[in-house]
Structures are given as C-alpha cells and as structure tokens.
Amino acid sequence: QVQLVESGGGLVQAGGSLRLSCAASGRSFSSYVMGWFRQAPGKEREFVAAISRSSGSTNYADSVKGRFTISRDNAKNTVYLQLNNLQPEDTAVYYCAAAQRRSVVGLTESYQYPYWGQGTQVTVSS
C-alpha cells in the first residue's frame, strides 16, 4: 500500500501559479502511476493529469494542457503538479492518486486509482 499527503494549495488571483506536492509513504513508489484529480463544489471528480512510473509518459485533461505540468521525483517519493495561468474555473479540491499499473495510457477515471490523498484546496479569485 501507499499513503498520500498533498500540500501546496491556497488562494491565488487569476493568472497566478501554484505548485502542488504529493508525498508518498510506503513501499515501491516507483511502481505506481501517479495521477491528479480535482473536484469542484457540486461537480464530479475529474481527471487532471497522470505520469508514468519512470516519468517517460504524461497525460493531461484538455482543459489544463499547456497550463499544468505533472512531474515526479522517485528519489523523494513525491509527485508534483505545477499550475500556471490559473483561472477561476480551476477552483477545486485537488487530489493525488496512485495506481499500480504498468502504463499511464487510459488511466483517466477515478475508479482506476485505489489510493488517494485527502486533498488540498485551490481557490482562484477573479
């Protein structure tokens, strides 16, 4: 199993940036595909980005392409999400998730990730 703890959320003005971190504890962090999801009030949880075990592949939701960047440091057991040019519609609780899969391809649904963090709030003011 893996335990996940997110940090780095906060309040930012439109056009601003934040960097989210997700620290993992437990064994074999490098054996997990890591993903970020978000959930806005009254909406379903949605996929944001995912990164393969060795950082060789990434996948992004269309709504964040070109603005958000996912990365990971297996030596630090940490995955990051850099959020640039934030907009009010990016306001949500952001969750880190882990799936013990070989490939990042197709891993865009929350049910595919067994392990979740508690979430970190990102609020973007206009």
Foldseek 3Di string as FASTA:
>chain_A
DKAKAKDWADEEAAQAKIKMKIAIDDPDLLQKWKFKWWDDPPGDIWGAKIAHSVRPDMDGDPVCPPAKDWDDDVVRRMIMIIGGRDDQVVWTWMKMFIARDHDPPPPTDPVRTPYIYPTDTHGYHD
